[in-house]
Amino acid sequence: GRAIADDHLKGLRLAIRSFKTKIPPSMTVLSDDELSSIKIPVLYLAGENEKMYSVKGAVERLNAISSGIKTEIIPNIGHGLMFAYPDLVNKKIDDFLNN
């Protein structure tokens, strides 16, 4: 109850005081030349309900630019793909790395 909540808040206050807030980096869109110059295998996973950009458009562009970029759209999820389906994401990464 209350003791657990107070302990959690105490830890949260300590964390806030202990770490500097960092401004997240802005998204960078690579040019077609930059994408096609990537010579190592790449796995691109995205949730179909992503709101920050068009996943379908990104996948179409990546597939048209490079055969070395493996793309996959995961249904029924948006930006929090790795939090909603950690086992699935881990399996896809493991499969990609081991093939």
C-alpha atoms as a PDB file:
ATOM      1  CA  GLY A   1       0.000   0.000   0.000  1.00  0.00           C
ATOM      2  CA  ARG A   2       1.235   3.393   1.070  1.00  0.00           C
ATOM      3  CA  ALA A   3       4.716   2.226   2.137  1.00  0.00           C
ATOM      4  CA  ILE A   4       5.366   0.684  -1.271  1.00  0.00           C
ATOM      5  CA  ALA A   5       4.168   3.848  -3.054  1.00  0.00           C
ATOM      6  CA  ASP A   6       6.332   6.073  -0.815  1.00  0.00           C
ATOM      7  CA  ASP A   7       9.370   3.864  -1.426  1.00  0.00           C
ATOM      8  CA  HIS A   8       8.761   3.974  -5.188  1.00  0.00           C
ATOM      9  CA  LEU A   9       8.434   7.772  -5.129  1.00  0.00           C
ATOM     10  CA  LYS A  10      11.625   8.073  -3.095  1.00  0.00           C
ATOM     11  CA  GLY A  11      13.483   6.047  -5.721  1.00  0.00           C
ATOM     12  CA  LEU A  12      11.943   8.083  -8.528  1.00  0.00           C
ATOM     13  CA  ARG A  13      12.997  11.374  -6.901  1.00  0.00           C
ATOM     14  CA  LEU A  14      16.544  10.038  -6.504  1.00  0.00           C
ATOM     15  CA  ALA A  15      16.658   8.996 -10.153  1.00  0.00           C
ATOM     16  CA  ILE A  16      15.432  12.414 -11.309  1.00  0.00           C
ATOM     17  CA  ARG A  17      18.112  14.170  -9.244  1.00  0.00           C
ATOM     18  CA  SER A  18      20.842  11.760 -10.344  1.00  0.00           C
ATOM     19  CA  PHE A  19      20.523  11.812 -14.120  1.00  0.00           C
ATOM     20  CA  LYS A  20      20.679  14.697 -16.548  1.00  0.00           C
ATOM     21  CA  THR A  21      17.785  14.959 -18.959  1.00  0.00           C
ATOM     22  CA  LYS A  22      18.963  14.533 -22.519  1.00  0.00           C
ATOM     23  CA  ILE A  23      17.177  15.948 -25.509  1.00  0.00           C
ATOM     24  CA  PRO A  24      16.443  13.032 -27.812  1.00  0.00           C
ATOM     25  CA  PRO A  25      18.153  13.202 -31.186  1.00  0.00           C
ATOM     26  CA  SER A  26      16.033  14.265 -34.096  1.00  0.00           C
ATOM     27  CA  MET A  27      15.181  11.682 -36.706  1.00  0.00           C
ATOM     28  CA  THR A  28      17.492  11.647 -39.687  1.00  0.00           C
ATOM     29  CA  VAL A  29      16.295  10.474 -43.066  1.00  0.00           C
ATOM     30  CA  LEU A  30      19.057   8.854 -45.067  1.00  0.00           C
ATOM     31  CA  SER A  31      19.284   9.597 -48.767  1.00  0.00           C
ATOM     32  CA  ASP A  32      18.851   6.857 -51.352  1.00  0.00           C
ATOM     33  CA  ASP A  33      22.611   6.953 -51.998  1.00  0.00           C
ATOM     34  CA  GLU A  34      23.367   6.574 -48.282  1.00  0.00           C
ATOM     35  CA  LEU A  35      20.968   3.648 -47.946  1.00  0.00           C
ATOM     36  CA  SER A  36      22.275   1.889 -51.045  1.00  0.00           C
ATOM     37  CA  SER A  37      25.861   2.283 -49.804  1.00  0.00           C
ATOM     38  CA  ILE A  38      25.178   0.101 -46.745  1.00  0.00           C
ATOM     39  CA  LYS A  39      27.087  -3.113 -47.374  1.00  0.00           C
ATOM     40  CA  ILE A  40      26.155  -5.104 -44.274  1.00  0.00           C
ATOM     41  CA  PRO A  41      22.877  -6.984 -43.758  1.00  0.00           C
ATOM     42  CA  VAL A  42      20.208  -4.847 -42.072  1.00  0.00           C
ATOM     43  CA  LEU A  43      16.944  -5.837 -40.426  1.00  0.00           C
ATOM     44  CA  TYR A  44      14.164  -3.244 -40.389  1.00  0.00           C
ATOM     45  CA  LEU A  45      11.189  -4.096 -38.172  1.00  0.00           C
ATOM     46  CA  ALA A  46       8.279  -1.718 -37.714  1.00  0.00           C
ATOM     47  CA  GLY A  47       4.758  -1.842 -36.357  1.00  0.00           C
ATOM     48  CA  GLU A  48       1.991  -1.346 -38.900  1.00  0.00           C
ATOM     49  CA  ASN A  49       0.321   1.315 -36.726  1.00  0.00           C
ATOM     50  CA  GLU A  50       3.385   3.562 -36.427  1.00  0.00           C
ATOM     51  CA  LYS A  51       2.264   7.215 -36.363  1.00  0.00           C
ATOM     52  CA  MET A  52       5.595   9.029 -36.844  1.00  0.00           C
ATOM     53  CA  TYR A  53       5.975   8.020 -40.500  1.00  0.00           C
ATOM     54  CA  SER A  54       4.462   5.783 -43.146  1.00  0.00           C
ATOM     55  CA  VAL A  55       5.755   2.283 -42.463  1.00  0.00           C
ATOM     56  CA  LYS A  56       4.405   1.010 -45.775  1.00  0.00           C
ATOM     57  CA  GLY A  57       6.193   3.837 -47.596  1.00  0.00           C
ATOM     58  CA  ALA A  58       9.434   3.192 -45.702  1.00  0.00           C
ATOM     59  CA  VAL A  59       9.341  -0.522 -46.498  1.00  0.00           C
ATOM     60  CA  GLU A  60       8.587   0.119 -50.182  1.00  0.00           C
ATOM     61  CA  ARG A  61      11.483   2.581 -50.368  1.00  0.00           C
ATOM     62  CA  LEU A  62      13.943   0.275 -48.576  1.00  0.00           C
ATOM     63  CA  ASN A  63      12.977  -2.694 -50.749  1.00  0.00           C
ATOM     64  CA  ALA A  64      13.413  -0.620 -53.914  1.00  0.00           C
ATOM     65  CA  ILE A  65      16.813   0.747 -52.857  1.00  0.00           C
ATOM     66  CA  SER A  66      18.587  -2.265 -51.394  1.00  0.00           C
ATOM     67  CA  SER A  67      18.216  -6.013 -51.477  1.00  0.00           C
ATOM     68  CA  GLY A  68      20.472  -6.188 -48.388  1.00  0.00           C
ATOM     69  CA  ILE A  69      17.859  -4.638 -46.130  1.00  0.00           C
ATOM     70  CA  LYS A  70      15.364  -7.192 -44.849  1.00  0.00           C
ATOM     71  CA  THR A  71      12.072  -5.501 -43.979  1.00  0.00           C
ATOM     72  CA  GLU A  72       9.100  -6.697 -42.013  1.00  0.00           C
ATOM     73  CA  ILE A  73       5.941  -5.015 -40.785  1.00  0.00           C
ATOM     74  CA  ILE A  74       4.515  -6.404 -37.549  1.00  0.00           C
ATOM     75  CA  PRO A  75       0.697  -6.234 -37.452  1.00  0.00           C
ATOM     76  CA  ASN A  76      -1.454  -4.724 -34.691  1.00  0.00           C
ATOM     77  CA  ILE A  77       1.214  -2.556 -33.062  1.00  0.00           C
ATOM     78  CA  GLY A  78       2.683   0.891 -33.436  1.00  0.00           C
ATOM     79  CA  HIS A  79       5.778   2.546 -32.026  1.00  0.00           C
ATOM     80  CA  GLY A  80       6.152   0.281 -28.966  1.00  0.00           C
ATOM     81  CA  LEU A  81       6.942  -2.846 -30.937  1.00  0.00           C
ATOM     82  CA  MET A  82       9.771  -4.030 -28.706  1.00  0.00           C
ATOM     83  CA  PHE A  83       7.753  -3.464 -25.542  1.00  0.00           C
ATOM     84  CA  ALA A  84       4.534  -5.082 -26.745  1.00  0.00           C
ATOM     85  CA  TYR A  85       6.136  -8.116 -28.370  1.00  0.00           C
ATOM     86  CA  PRO A  86       9.626  -8.565 -26.873  1.00  0.00           C
ATOM     87  CA  ASP A  87       9.731 -12.323 -27.504  1.00  0.00           C
ATOM     88  CA  LEU A  88       8.705 -11.880 -31.134  1.00  0.00           C
ATOM     89  CA  VAL A  89      11.201  -9.076 -31.740  1.00  0.00           C
ATOM     90  CA  ASN A  90      13.999 -11.023 -30.048  1.00  0.00           C
ATOM     91  CA  LYS A  91      13.205 -14.113 -32.141  1.00  0.00           C
ATOM     92  CA  LYS A  92      13.211 -12.112 -35.370  1.00  0.00           C
ATOM     93  CA  ILE A  93      16.557 -10.519 -34.463  1.00  0.00           C
ATOM     94  CA  ASP A  94      18.004 -13.894 -33.454  1.00  0.00           C
ATOM     95  CA  ASP A  95      16.776 -15.519 -36.675  1.00  0.00           C
ATOM     96  CA  PHE A  96      18.211 -12.648 -38.716  1.00  0.00           C
ATOM     97  CA  LEU A  97      21.606 -12.849 -37.015  1.00  0.00           C
ATOM     98  CA  ASN A  98      21.802 -16.623 -37.348  1.00  0.00           C
ATOM     99  CA  ASN A  99      20.904 -16.859 -41.050  1.00  0.00           C
END
